[in-house]
PDB file of N, CA and C in Angstrom:
ATOM      1  N   MET A   1      25.248  -6.301  26.058  1.00  0.00           N
ATOM      2  CA  MET A   1      24.810  -6.585  27.282  1.00  0.00           C
ATOM      3  C   MET A   1      25.204  -5.473  28.248  1.00  0.00           C
ATOM      4  N   GLY A   2      24.654  -5.347  29.388  1.00  0.00           N
ATOM      5  CA  GLY A   2      24.771  -4.252  30.324  1.00  0.00           C
ATOM      6  C   GLY A   2      26.102  -4.345  31.169  1.00  0.00           C
ATOM      7  N   SER A   3      26.213  -3.430  31.933  1.00  0.00           N
ATOM      8  CA  SER A   3      27.546  -3.264  32.791  1.00  0.00           C
ATOM      9  C   SER A   3      27.612  -4.448  33.872  1.00  0.00           C
ATOM     10  N   LEU A   4      26.514  -5.215  34.150  1.00  0.00           N
ATOM     11  CA  LEU A   4      26.494  -6.182  35.163  1.00  0.00           C
ATOM     12  C   LEU A   4      26.544  -7.570  34.503  1.00  0.00           C
ATOM     13  N   ALA A   5      26.825  -7.618  33.241  1.00  0.00           N
ATOM     14  CA  ALA A   5      26.805  -8.931  32.518  1.00  0.00           C
ATOM     15  C   ALA A   5      27.693  -9.954  33.253  1.00  0.00           C
ATOM     16  N   GLY A   6      27.187 -11.143  33.484  1.00  0.00           N
ATOM     17  CA  GLY A   6      28.004 -12.062  34.088  1.00  0.00           C
ATOM     18  C   GLY A   6      28.119 -12.088  35.650  1.00  0.00           C
ATOM     19  N   LYS A   7      27.593 -10.958  36.254  1.00  0.00           N
ATOM     20  CA  LYS A   7      27.482 -10.872  37.657  1.00  0.00           C
ATOM     21  C   LYS A   7      26.328 -11.612  38.267  1.00  0.00           C
ATOM     22  N   VAL A   8      26.459 -11.952  39.554  1.00  0.00           N
ATOM     23  CA  VAL A   8      25.359 -12.651  40.324  1.00  0.00           C
ATOM     24  C   VAL A   8      25.035 -11.834  41.564  1.00  0.00           C
ATOM     25  N   ALA A   9      23.720 -11.532  41.610  1.00  0.00           N
ATOM     26  CA  ALA A   9      23.302 -10.752  42.797  1.00  0.00           C
ATOM     27  C   ALA A   9      22.295 -11.488  43.581  1.00  0.00           C
ATOM     28  N   VAL A  10      22.461 -11.470  44.910  1.00  0.00           N
ATOM     29  CA  VAL A  10      21.540 -11.908  45.883  1.00  0.00           C
ATOM     30  C   VAL A  10      20.728 -10.750  46.456  1.00  0.00           C
ATOM     31  N   ILE A  11      19.458 -10.803  46.426  1.00  0.00           N
ATOM     32  CA  ILE A  11      18.659  -9.693  46.977  1.00  0.00           C
ATOM     33  C   ILE A  11      17.532 -10.248  47.877  1.00  0.00           C
ATOM     34  N   THR A  12      17.770  -9.906  49.167  1.00  0.00           N
ATOM     35  CA  THR A  12      16.705 -10.361  50.144  1.00  0.00           C
ATOM     36  C   THR A  12      15.452  -9.321  49.935  1.00  0.00           C
ATOM     37  N   GLY A  13      14.278  -9.844  50.145  1.00  0.00           N
ATOM     38  CA  GLY A  13      13.094  -9.075  49.953  1.00  0.00           C
ATOM     39  C   GLY A  13      12.960  -8.664  48.504  1.00  0.00           C
ATOM     40  N   GLY A  14      13.385  -9.440  47.536  1.00  0.00           N
ATOM     41  CA  GLY A  14      13.430  -9.130  46.099  1.00  0.00           C
ATOM     42  C   GLY A  14      12.210  -9.373  45.414  1.00  0.00           C
ATOM     43  N   SER A  15      11.142  -9.893  45.983  1.00  0.00           N
ATOM     44  CA  SER A  15       9.936 -10.275  45.200  1.00  0.00           C
ATOM     45  C   SER A  15       8.980  -9.094  45.081  1.00  0.00           C
ATOM     46  N   ARG A  16       9.095  -8.044  45.733  1.00  0.00           N
ATOM     47  CA  ARG A  16       8.254  -6.901  45.743  1.00  0.00           C
ATOM     48  C   ARG A  16       8.889  -5.672  46.191  1.00  0.00           C
ATOM     49  N   GLY A  17       8.299  -4.536  45.818  1.00  0.00           N
ATOM     50  CA  GLY A  17       8.844  -3.231  46.418  1.00  0.00           C
ATOM     51  C   GLY A  17      10.216  -2.870  45.797  1.00  0.00           C
ATOM     52  N   ILE A  18      10.901  -2.284  46.757  1.00  0.00           N
ATOM     53  CA  ILE A  18      12.276  -1.770  46.449  1.00  0.00           C
ATOM     54  C   ILE A  18      13.249  -2.904  45.983  1.00  0.00           C
ATOM     55  N   GLY A  19      13.066  -4.053  46.650  1.00  0.00           N
ATOM     56  CA  GLY A  19      13.938  -5.195  46.278  1.00  0.00           C
ATOM     57  C   GLY A  19      13.778  -5.637  44.950  1.00  0.00           C
ATOM     58  N   ARG A  20      12.329  -5.735  44.545  1.00  0.00           N
ATOM     59  CA  ARG A  20      12.077  -6.124  43.224  1.00  0.00           C
ATOM     60  C   ARG A  20      12.567  -5.132  42.115  1.00  0.00           C
ATOM     61  N   GLY A  21      12.441  -3.904  42.469  1.00  0.00           N
ATOM     62  CA  GLY A  21      12.990  -2.852  41.547  1.00  0.00           C
ATOM     63  C   GLY A  21      14.517  -2.914  41.351  1.00  0.00           C
ATOM     64  N   ILE A  22      15.216  -3.233  42.395  1.00  0.00           N
ATOM     65  CA  ILE A  22      16.655  -3.346  42.344  1.00  0.00           C
ATOM     66  C   ILE A  22      16.869  -4.664  41.467  1.00  0.00           C
ATOM     67  N   ALA A  23      16.227  -5.675  41.747  1.00  0.00           N
ATOM     68  CA  ALA A  23      16.434  -6.930  40.886  1.00  0.00           C
ATOM     69  C   ALA A  23      16.168  -6.730  39.372  1.00  0.00           C
ATOM     70  N   GLU A  24      15.128  -5.979  39.153  1.00  0.00           N
ATOM     71  CA  GLU A  24      14.734  -5.702  37.853  1.00  0.00           C
ATOM     72  C   GLU A  24      15.869  -4.854  37.041  1.00  0.00           C
ATOM     73  N   GLY A  25      16.411  -3.909  37.914  1.00  0.00           N
ATOM     74  CA  GLY A  25      17.469  -3.088  37.238  1.00  0.00           C
ATOM     75  C   GLY A  25      18.731  -4.000  37.067  1.00  0.00           C
ATOM     76  N   TYR A  26      19.073  -4.850  37.964  1.00  0.00           N
ATOM     77  CA  TYR A  26      20.212  -5.693  37.733  1.00  0.00           C
ATOM     78  C   TYR A  26      20.102  -6.586  36.538  1.00  0.00           C
ATOM     79  N   LEU A  27      18.770  -7.208  36.432  1.00  0.00           N
ATOM     80  CA  LEU A  27      18.571  -8.009  35.243  1.00  0.00           C
ATOM     81  C   LEU A  27      18.704  -7.241  34.008  1.00  0.00           C
ATOM     82  N   ALA A  28      18.236  -6.071  33.963  1.00  0.00           N
ATOM     83  CA  ALA A  28      18.327  -5.230  32.705  1.00  0.00           C
ATOM     84  C   ALA A  28      19.724  -4.950  32.436  1.00  0.00           C
ATOM     85  N   GLU A  29      20.551  -4.946  33.450  1.00  0.00           N
ATOM     86  CA  GLU A  29      22.069  -4.638  33.053  1.00  0.00           C
ATOM     87  C   GLU A  29      22.864  -6.035  32.861  1.00  0.00           C
ATOM     88  N   GLY A  30      22.176  -7.138  32.832  1.00  0.00           N
ATOM     89  CA  GLY A  30      22.790  -8.367  32.469  1.00  0.00           C
ATOM     90  C   GLY A  30      23.068  -9.234  33.692  1.00  0.00           C
ATOM     91  N   ALA A  31      22.809  -8.925  34.870  1.00  0.00           N
ATOM     92  CA  ALA A  31      23.165  -9.822  36.031  1.00  0.00           C
ATOM     93  C   ALA A  31      22.156 -10.977  36.114  1.00  0.00           C
ATOM     94  N   SER A  32      22.585 -12.004  36.727  1.00  0.00           N
ATOM     95  CA  SER A  32      21.733 -13.095  37.284  1.00  0.00           C
ATOM     96  C   SER A  32      21.331 -12.690  38.671  1.00  0.00           C
ATOM     97  N   VAL A  33      20.109 -13.091  38.989  1.00  0.00           N
ATOM     98  CA  VAL A  33      19.676 -12.647  40.318  1.00  0.00           C
ATOM     99  C   VAL A  33      19.010 -13.836  41.167  1.00  0.00           C
ATOM    100  N   VAL A  34      19.339 -13.963  42.445  1.00  0.00           N
ATOM    101  CA  VAL A  34      18.564 -14.783  43.357  1.00  0.00           C
ATOM    102  C   VAL A  34      17.837 -13.974  44.303  1.00  0.00           C
ATOM    103  N   ILE A  35      16.568 -14.028  44.286  1.00  0.00           N
ATOM    104  CA  ILE A  35      15.764 -13.180  45.215  1.00  0.00           C
ATOM    105  C   ILE A  35      15.208 -14.049  46.240  1.00  0.00           C
ATOM    106  N   ASN A  36      14.723 -13.347  47.387  1.00  0.00           N
ATOM    107  CA  ASN A  36      14.255 -13.940  48.467  1.00  0.00           C
ATOM    108  C   ASN A  36      13.017 -13.287  48.975  1.00  0.00           C
ATOM    109  N   GLY A  37      12.079 -13.949  49.517  1.00  0.00           N
ATOM    110  CA  GLY A  37      10.841 -13.353  50.065  1.00  0.00           C
ATOM    111  C   GLY A  37      10.063 -14.543  50.877  1.00  0.00           C
ATOM    112  N   ARG A  38       9.167 -14.093  51.586  1.00  0.00           N
ATOM    113  CA  ARG A  38       8.429 -15.028  52.513  1.00  0.00           C
ATOM    114  C   ARG A  38       7.253 -15.722  51.740  1.00  0.00           C
ATOM    115  N   SER A  39       6.864 -15.088  50.682  1.00  0.00           N
ATOM    116  CA  SER A  39       5.659 -15.637  50.027  1.00  0.00           C
ATOM    117  C   SER A  39       6.120 -16.463  48.623  1.00  0.00           C
ATOM    118  N   PRO A  40       5.956 -17.754  48.626  1.00  0.00           N
ATOM    119  CA  PRO A  40       6.318 -18.568  47.461  1.00  0.00           C
ATOM    120  C   PRO A  40       5.326 -18.086  46.239  1.00  0.00           C
ATOM    121  N   GLU A  41       4.152 -17.729  46.550  1.00  0.00           N
ATOM    122  CA  GLU A  41       3.237 -17.179  45.426  1.00  0.00           C
ATOM    123  C   GLU A  41       3.761 -15.954  44.802  1.00  0.00           C
ATOM    124  N   LYS A  42       4.203 -14.943  45.545  1.00  0.00           N
ATOM    125  CA  LYS A  42       4.766 -13.684  45.079  1.00  0.00           C
ATOM    126  C   LYS A  42       5.984 -13.920  44.349  1.00  0.00           C
ATOM    127  N   GLY A  43       6.862 -14.825  44.902  1.00  0.00           N
ATOM    128  CA  GLY A  43       8.091 -15.211  44.185  1.00  0.00           C
ATOM    129  C   GLY A  43       7.900 -15.872  42.874  1.00  0.00           C
ATOM    130  N   ALA A  44       6.998 -16.785  42.751  1.00  0.00           N
ATOM    131  CA  ALA A  44       6.652 -17.475  41.495  1.00  0.00           C
ATOM    132  C   ALA A  44       6.140 -16.402  40.534  1.00  0.00           C
ATOM    133  N   ALA A  45       5.171 -15.602  41.043  1.00  0.00           N
ATOM    134  CA  ALA A  45       4.651 -14.583  40.113  1.00  0.00           C
ATOM    135  C   ALA A  45       5.718 -13.607  39.600  1.00  0.00           C
ATOM    136  N   THR A  46       6.557 -13.304  40.488  1.00  0.00           N
ATOM    137  CA  THR A  46       7.687 -12.342  40.013  1.00  0.00           C
ATOM    138  C   THR A  46       8.641 -12.990  38.918  1.00  0.00           C
ATOM    139  N   LEU A  47       8.906 -14.166  39.135  1.00  0.00           N
ATOM    140  CA  LEU A  47       9.692 -14.893  38.154  1.00  0.00           C
ATOM    141  C   LEU A  47       8.859 -15.053  36.813  1.00  0.00           C
ATOM    142  N   ARG A  48       7.718 -15.256  36.845  1.00  0.00           N
ATOM    143  CA  ARG A  48       6.847 -15.399  35.666  1.00  0.00           C
ATOM    144  C   ARG A  48       6.849 -14.036  34.902  1.00  0.00           C
ATOM    145  N   ASP A  49       6.688 -13.037  35.770  1.00  0.00           N
ATOM    146  CA  ASP A  49       6.578 -11.624  35.173  1.00  0.00           C
ATOM    147  C   ASP A  49       7.928 -11.377  34.369  1.00  0.00           C
ATOM    148  N   TRP A  50       9.150 -11.695  34.911  1.00  0.00           N
ATOM    149  CA  TRP A  50      10.324 -11.426  34.368  1.00  0.00           C
ATOM    150  C   TRP A  50      10.664 -12.369  33.219  1.00  0.00           C
ATOM    151  N   GLY A  51      10.248 -13.588  33.120  1.00  0.00           N
ATOM    152  CA  GLY A  51      10.454 -14.480  31.981  1.00  0.00           C
ATOM    153  C   GLY A  51      11.921 -14.639  31.606  1.00  0.00           C
ATOM    154  N   THR A  52      12.745 -14.708  32.715  1.00  0.00           N
ATOM    155  CA  THR A  52      14.124 -14.979  32.529  1.00  0.00           C
ATOM    156  C   THR A  52      14.689 -16.151  33.325  1.00  0.00           C
ATOM    157  N   PRO A  53      14.135 -17.267  33.080  1.00  0.00           N
ATOM    158  CA  PRO A  53      14.355 -18.498  33.930  1.00  0.00           C
ATOM    159  C   PRO A  53      15.897 -18.915  33.989  1.00  0.00           C
ATOM    160  N   ASP A  54      16.653 -18.513  32.960  1.00  0.00           N
ATOM    161  CA  ASP A  54      18.032 -18.874  32.901  1.00  0.00           C
ATOM    162  C   ASP A  54      18.901 -17.854  33.854  1.00  0.00           C
ATOM    163  N   ARG A  55      18.319 -16.780  34.245  1.00  0.00           N
ATOM    164  CA  ARG A  55      19.051 -15.789  35.031  1.00  0.00           C
ATOM    165  C   ARG A  55      18.344 -15.294  36.386  1.00  0.00           C
ATOM    166  N   ALA A  56      17.240 -15.959  36.734  1.00  0.00           N
ATOM    167  CA  ALA A  56      16.691 -15.533  37.958  1.00  0.00           C
ATOM    168  C   ALA A  56      16.116 -16.755  38.760  1.00  0.00           C
ATOM    169  N   ARG A  57      16.175 -16.771  40.086  1.00  0.00           N
ATOM    170  CA  ARG A  57      15.801 -17.728  40.894  1.00  0.00           C
ATOM    171  C   ARG A  57      15.206 -17.082  42.108  1.00  0.00           C
ATOM    172  N   PHE A  58      14.172 -17.838  42.697  1.00  0.00           N
ATOM    173  CA  PHE A  58      13.492 -17.385  43.961  1.00  0.00           C
ATOM    174  C   PHE A  58      13.714 -18.377  45.069  1.00  0.00           C
ATOM    175  N   VAL A  59      13.890 -17.985  46.202  1.00  0.00           N
ATOM    176  CA  VAL A  59      14.036 -18.893  47.345  1.00  0.00           C
ATOM    177  C   VAL A  59      13.080 -18.314  48.455  1.00  0.00           C
ATOM    178  N   ALA A  60      12.125 -19.103  48.843  1.00  0.00           N
ATOM    179  CA  ALA A  60      11.195 -18.624  49.866  1.00  0.00           C
ATOM    180  C   ALA A  60      11.822 -18.845  51.242  1.00  0.00           C
ATOM    181  N   GLY A  61      11.675 -17.784  52.121  1.00  0.00           N
ATOM    182  CA  GLY A  61      12.200 -17.986  53.412  1.00  0.00           C
ATOM    183  C   GLY A  61      12.134 -16.571  54.205  1.00  0.00           C
ATOM    184  N   ASP A  62      12.433 -16.605  55.438  1.00  0.00           N
ATOM    185  CA  ASP A  62      12.336 -15.576  56.304  1.00  0.00           C
ATOM    186  C   ASP A  62      13.832 -15.218  56.736  1.00  0.00           C
ATOM    187  N   VAL A  63      14.275 -13.924  56.447  1.00  0.00           N
ATOM    188  CA  VAL A  63      15.627 -13.533  56.767  1.00  0.00           C
ATOM    189  C   VAL A  63      15.946 -13.523  58.219  1.00  0.00           C
ATOM    190  N   LYS A  64      14.915 -13.599  59.122  1.00  0.00           N
ATOM    191  CA  LYS A  64      15.135 -13.655  60.556  1.00  0.00           C
ATOM    192  C   LYS A  64      15.551 -15.101  60.902  1.00  0.00           C
ATOM    193  N   LYS A  65      15.635 -15.954  60.037  1.00  0.00           N
ATOM    194  CA  LYS A  65      15.985 -17.424  60.296  1.00  0.00           C
ATOM    195  C   LYS A  65      17.230 -17.735  59.590  1.00  0.00           C
ATOM    196  N   ARG A  66      18.278 -18.008  60.361  1.00  0.00           N
ATOM    197  CA  ARG A  66      19.669 -18.250  59.710  1.00  0.00           C
ATOM    198  C   ARG A  66      19.602 -19.319  58.563  1.00  0.00           C
ATOM    199  N   ALA A  67      18.870 -20.406  58.894  1.00  0.00           N
ATOM    200  CA  ALA A  67      18.744 -21.483  57.902  1.00  0.00           C
ATOM    201  C   ALA A  67      18.181 -21.032  56.544  1.00  0.00           C
ATOM    202  N   ASP A  68      17.191 -20.130  56.639  1.00  0.00           N
ATOM    203  CA  ASP A  68      16.518 -19.563  55.444  1.00  0.00           C
ATOM    204  C   ASP A  68      17.470 -18.735  54.694  1.00  0.00           C
ATOM    205  N   VAL A  69      18.342 -18.000  55.436  1.00  0.00           N
ATOM    206  CA  VAL A  69      19.337 -17.157  54.659  1.00  0.00           C
ATOM    207  C   VAL A  69      20.399 -18.101  53.967  1.00  0.00           C
ATOM    208  N   GLU A  70      20.779 -19.106  54.702  1.00  0.00           N
ATOM    209  CA  GLU A  70      21.795 -19.960  54.105  1.00  0.00           C
ATOM    210  C   GLU A  70      21.268 -20.663  52.910  1.00  0.00           C
ATOM    211  N   SER A  71      19.913 -20.938  52.862  1.00  0.00           N
ATOM    212  CA  SER A  71      19.335 -21.527  51.652  1.00  0.00           C
ATOM    213  C   SER A  71      19.437 -20.622  50.451  1.00  0.00           C
ATOM    214  N   VAL A  72      19.219 -19.314  50.640  1.00  0.00           N
ATOM    215  CA  VAL A  72      19.351 -18.355  49.575  1.00  0.00           C
ATOM    216  C   VAL A  72      20.895 -18.421  49.131  1.00  0.00           C
ATOM    217  N   VAL A  73      21.688 -18.323  49.893  1.00  0.00           N
ATOM    218  CA  VAL A  73      23.183 -18.395  49.499  1.00  0.00           C
ATOM    219  C   VAL A  73      23.503 -19.672  48.821  1.00  0.00           C
ATOM    220  N   ASP A  74      23.010 -20.830  49.387  1.00  0.00           N
ATOM    221  CA  ASP A  74      23.177 -22.105  48.660  1.00  0.00           C
ATOM    222  C   ASP A  74      22.682 -22.191  47.348  1.00  0.00           C
ATOM    223  N   GLU A  75      21.447 -21.623  46.973  1.00  0.00           N
ATOM    224  CA  GLU A  75      20.891 -21.600  45.736  1.00  0.00           C
ATOM    225  C   GLU A  75      21.730 -20.779  44.791  1.00  0.00           C
ATOM    226  N   ALA A  76      22.129 -19.650  45.206  1.00  0.00           N
ATOM    227  CA  ALA A  76      22.980 -18.851  44.345  1.00  0.00           C
ATOM    228  C   ALA A  76      24.253 -19.619  43.879  1.00  0.00           C
ATOM    229  N   LEU A  77      24.862 -20.195  44.928  1.00  0.00           N
ATOM    230  CA  LEU A  77      26.080 -20.907  44.603  1.00  0.00           C
ATOM    231  C   LEU A  77      25.811 -22.105  43.628  1.00  0.00           C
ATOM    232  N   THR A  78      24.827 -22.835  43.891  1.00  0.00           N
ATOM    233  CA  THR A  78      24.460 -23.991  43.131  1.00  0.00           C
ATOM    234  C   THR A  78      24.019 -23.541  41.676  1.00  0.00           C
ATOM    235  N   ALA A  79      23.196 -22.544  41.597  1.00  0.00           N
ATOM    236  CA  ALA A  79      22.672 -22.150  40.207  1.00  0.00           C
ATOM    237  C   ALA A  79      23.733 -21.468  39.447  1.00  0.00           C
ATOM    238  N   PHE A  80      24.574 -20.554  40.054  1.00  0.00           N
ATOM    239  CA  PHE A  80      25.403 -19.557  39.237  1.00  0.00           C
ATOM    240  C   PHE A  80      26.902 -19.673  39.625  1.00  0.00           C
ATOM    241  N   GLY A  81      27.185 -20.521  40.801  1.00  0.00           N
ATOM    242  CA  GLY A  81      28.670 -20.608  41.089  1.00  0.00           C
ATOM    243  C   GLY A  81      29.274 -19.591  41.905  1.00  0.00           C
ATOM    244  N   ARG A  82      28.633 -18.514  42.197  1.00  0.00           N
ATOM    245  CA  ARG A  82      29.282 -17.440  42.942  1.00  0.00           C
ATOM    246  C   ARG A  82      28.240 -16.377  43.359  1.00  0.00           C
ATOM    247  N   ILE A  83      28.748 -15.453  44.151  1.00  0.00           N
ATOM    248  CA  ILE A  83      27.909 -14.264  44.521  1.00  0.00           C
ATOM    249  C   ILE A  83      28.877 -13.160  44.441  1.00  0.00           C
ATOM    250  N   ASP A  84      28.483 -12.102  43.601  1.00  0.00           N
ATOM    251  CA  ASP A  84      29.239 -10.956  43.251  1.00  0.00           C
ATOM    252  C   ASP A  84      28.594  -9.706  43.977  1.00  0.00           C
ATOM    253  N   ILE A  85      27.373  -9.707  44.147  1.00  0.00           N
ATOM    254  CA  ILE A  85      26.631  -8.595  44.706  1.00  0.00           C
ATOM    255  C   ILE A  85      25.636  -9.097  45.783  1.00  0.00           C
ATOM    256  N   LEU A  86      25.595  -8.350  46.968  1.00  0.00           N
ATOM    257  CA  LEU A  86      24.614  -8.785  48.018  1.00  0.00           C
ATOM    258  C   LEU A  86      23.829  -7.558  48.348  1.00  0.00           C
ATOM    259  N   VAL A  87      22.480  -7.531  48.245  1.00  0.00           N
ATOM    260  CA  VAL A  87      21.700  -6.467  48.638  1.00  0.00           C
ATOM    261  C   VAL A  87      20.762  -6.995  49.747  1.00  0.00           C
ATOM    262  N   ASN A  88      21.086  -6.454  51.007  1.00  0.00           N
ATOM    263  CA  ASN A  88      20.385  -6.849  52.235  1.00  0.00           C
ATOM    264  C   ASN A  88      19.146  -5.803  52.358  1.00  0.00           C
ATOM    265  N   ASN A  89      18.237  -6.149  51.532  1.00  0.00           N
ATOM    266  CA  ASN A  89      17.005  -5.320  51.422  1.00  0.00           C
ATOM    267  C   ASN A  89      15.866  -5.626  52.416  1.00  0.00           C
ATOM    268  N   ALA A  90      15.726  -6.880  52.798  1.00  0.00           N
ATOM    269  CA  ALA A  90      14.511  -7.288  53.427  1.00  0.00           C
ATOM    270  C   ALA A  90      14.526  -6.606  54.953  1.00  0.00           C
ATOM    271  N   GLY A  91      13.439  -6.214  55.294  1.00  0.00           N
ATOM    272  CA  GLY A  91      13.234  -5.692  56.601  1.00  0.00           C
ATOM    273  C   GLY A  91      11.794  -5.481  56.966  1.00  0.00           C
ATOM    274  N   GLY A  92      11.672  -4.805  58.105  1.00  0.00           N
ATOM    275  CA  GLY A  92      10.230  -4.531  58.461  1.00  0.00           C
ATOM    276  C   GLY A  92      10.179  -3.905  59.816  1.00  0.00           C
ATOM    277  N   SER A  93       8.941  -3.701  60.262  1.00  0.00           N
ATOM    278  CA  SER A  93       8.716  -3.067  61.543  1.00  0.00           C
ATOM    279  C   SER A  93       7.505  -3.733  62.196  1.00  0.00           C
ATOM    280  N   THR A  94       7.558  -3.772  63.451  1.00  0.00           N
ATOM    281  CA  THR A  94       6.332  -4.265  64.104  1.00  0.00           C
ATOM    282  C   THR A  94       5.626  -2.984  64.748  1.00  0.00           C
ATOM    283  N   GLY A  95       5.974  -1.871  64.400  1.00  0.00           N
ATOM    284  CA  GLY A  95       5.194  -0.647  64.736  1.00  0.00           C
ATOM    285  C   GLY A  95       6.215   0.463  65.138  1.00  0.00           C
ATOM    286  N   PHE A  96       5.715   1.556  65.330  1.00  0.00           N
ATOM    287  CA  PHE A  96       6.500   2.767  65.695  1.00  0.00           C
ATOM    288  C   PHE A  96       6.054   3.295  66.921  1.00  0.00           C
ATOM    289  N   ALA A  97       6.924   3.786  67.720  1.00  0.00           N
ATOM    290  CA  ALA A  97       6.701   4.337  69.063  1.00  0.00           C
ATOM    291  C   ALA A  97       8.046   5.015  69.430  1.00  0.00           C
ATOM    292  N   PRO A  98       7.852   6.114  70.432  1.00  0.00           N
ATOM    293  CA  PRO A  98       9.119   6.612  70.973  1.00  0.00           C
ATOM    294  C   PRO A  98       9.882   5.480  71.644  1.00  0.00           C
ATOM    295  N   ILE A  99      11.237   5.631  71.594  1.00  0.00           N
ATOM    296  CA  ILE A  99      12.057   4.615  72.006  1.00  0.00           C
ATOM    297  C   ILE A  99      11.805   4.111  73.481  1.00  0.00           C
ATOM    298  N   HIS A 100      11.380   5.169  74.360  1.00  0.00           N
ATOM    299  CA  HIS A 100      11.108   4.757  75.693  1.00  0.00           C
ATOM    300  C   HIS A 100       9.746   4.069  75.888  1.00  0.00           C
ATOM    301  N   GLU A 101       8.943   4.103  74.840  1.00  0.00           N
ATOM    302  CA  GLU A 101       7.562   3.233  74.977  1.00  0.00           C
ATOM    303  C   GLU A 101       7.704   2.016  73.990  1.00  0.00           C
ATOM    304  N   LEU A 102       8.765   1.680  73.433  1.00  0.00           N
ATOM    305  CA  LEU A 102       8.903   0.640  72.542  1.00  0.00           C
ATOM    306  C   LEU A 102       8.939  -0.768  73.380  1.00  0.00           C
ATOM    307  N   ALA A 103       8.146  -1.623  73.124  1.00  0.00           N
ATOM    308  CA  ALA A 103       8.285  -2.953  73.845  1.00  0.00           C
ATOM    309  C   ALA A 103       9.565  -3.748  73.451  1.00  0.00           C
ATOM    310  N   GLU A 104      10.115  -4.332  74.307  1.00  0.00           N
ATOM    311  CA  GLU A 104      11.376  -5.116  74.168  1.00  0.00           C
ATOM    312  C   GLU A 104      11.202  -6.171  72.989  1.00  0.00           C
ATOM    313  N   GLU A 105      10.052  -6.761  72.853  1.00  0.00           N
ATOM    314  CA  GLU A 105       9.833  -7.767  71.743  1.00  0.00           C
ATOM    315  C   GLU A 105       9.977  -7.029  70.452  1.00  0.00           C
ATOM    316  N   ALA A 106       9.416  -5.865  70.277  1.00  0.00           N
ATOM    317  CA  ALA A 106       9.446  -5.099  69.018  1.00  0.00           C
ATOM    318  C   ALA A 106      10.982  -4.805  68.682  1.00  0.00           C
ATOM    319  N   TRP A 107      11.660  -4.372  69.751  1.00  0.00           N
ATOM    320  CA  TRP A 107      13.122  -4.063  69.515  1.00  0.00           C
ATOM    321  C   TRP A 107      13.825  -5.336  69.031  1.00  0.00           C
ATOM    322  N   GLN A 108      13.608  -6.476  69.687  1.00  0.00           N
ATOM    323  CA  GLN A 108      14.316  -7.621  69.173  1.00  0.00           C
ATOM    324  C   GLN A 108      13.894  -8.113  67.933  1.00  0.00           C
ATOM    325  N   GLU A 109      12.600  -8.011  67.421  1.00  0.00           N
ATOM    326  CA  GLU A 109      12.114  -8.310  66.188  1.00  0.00           C
ATOM    327  C   GLU A 109      12.886  -7.418  65.052  1.00  0.00           C
ATOM    328  N   ALA A 110      12.888  -6.131  65.347  1.00  0.00           N
ATOM    329  CA  ALA A 110      13.680  -5.274  64.483  1.00  0.00           C
ATOM    330  C   ALA A 110      15.148  -5.547  64.276  1.00  0.00           C
ATOM    331  N   ASN A 111      15.725  -5.990  65.397  1.00  0.00           N
ATOM    332  CA  ASN A 111      17.155  -6.414  65.413  1.00  0.00           C
ATOM    333  C   ASN A 111      17.294  -7.697  64.406  1.00  0.00           C
ATOM    334  N   HIS A 112      16.352  -8.700  64.561  1.00  0.00           N
ATOM    335  CA  HIS A 112      16.417  -9.886  63.773  1.00  0.00           C
ATOM    336  C   HIS A 112      16.304  -9.490  62.270  1.00  0.00           C
ATOM    337  N   TRP A 113      15.506  -8.545  61.946  1.00  0.00           N
ATOM    338  CA  TRP A 113      15.288  -8.186  60.515  1.00  0.00           C
ATOM    339  C   TRP A 113      16.521  -7.352  59.940  1.00  0.00           C
ATOM    340  N   ILE A 114      16.895  -6.376  60.791  1.00  0.00           N
ATOM    341  CA  ILE A 114      17.827  -5.447  60.324  1.00  0.00           C
ATOM    342  C   ILE A 114      19.439  -5.818  60.602  1.00  0.00           C
ATOM    343  N   LEU A 115      19.612  -6.501  61.598  1.00  0.00           N
ATOM    344  CA  LEU A 115      21.054  -6.796  61.917  1.00  0.00           C
ATOM    345  C   LEU A 115      21.344  -8.199  61.654  1.00  0.00           C
ATOM    346  N   ASN A 116      20.593  -9.169  62.319  1.00  0.00           N
ATOM    347  CA  ASN A 116      20.914 -10.482  62.184  1.00  0.00           C
ATOM    348  C   ASN A 116      20.908 -11.080  60.843  1.00  0.00           C
ATOM    349  N   SER A 117      19.920 -10.624  59.995  1.00  0.00           N
ATOM    350  CA  SER A 117      19.815 -11.103  58.549  1.00  0.00           C
ATOM    351  C   SER A 117      21.102 -10.769  57.772  1.00  0.00           C
ATOM    352  N   CYS A 118      21.616  -9.617  58.111  1.00  0.00           N
ATOM    353  CA  CYS A 118      22.952  -9.182  57.393  1.00  0.00           C
ATOM    354  C   CYS A 118      24.169  -9.984  57.841  1.00  0.00           C
ATOM    355  N   PHE A 119      24.089 -10.291  59.160  1.00  0.00           N
ATOM    356  CA  PHE A 119      25.222 -11.000  59.762  1.00  0.00           C
ATOM    357  C   PHE A 119      25.334 -12.360  59.234  1.00  0.00           C
ATOM    358  N   TRP A 120      24.165 -13.088  58.987  1.00  0.00           N
ATOM    359  CA  TRP A 120      24.105 -14.460  58.602  1.00  0.00           C
ATOM    360  C   TRP A 120      24.676 -14.592  57.230  1.00  0.00           C
TER     361      TRP A 120
END
């Protein structure tokens, strides 16, 4: 087994892109993973692709919502008993503009994704 055997990782935004790649690397090294994403369909497809039901879980939710983040943590603790690794990967943008042209709503949205989701 790999260098992460017996470890448990929580990866937000783990059903696609960079987060999925990180989760696949952790699985290959023996870790169990709990991934999060907004699309239950993508999450289910990801778990099917991996074929590791004993070491992978998906929790649908939006990291901008504290209760959704708490659900991911609860699933990790219920399924695996602990969390050893946390990857705050989920994020996004509502657009790009020079800072002096950025709407306040866009700034607040970015803060929810980038800062608040890690704090919760």
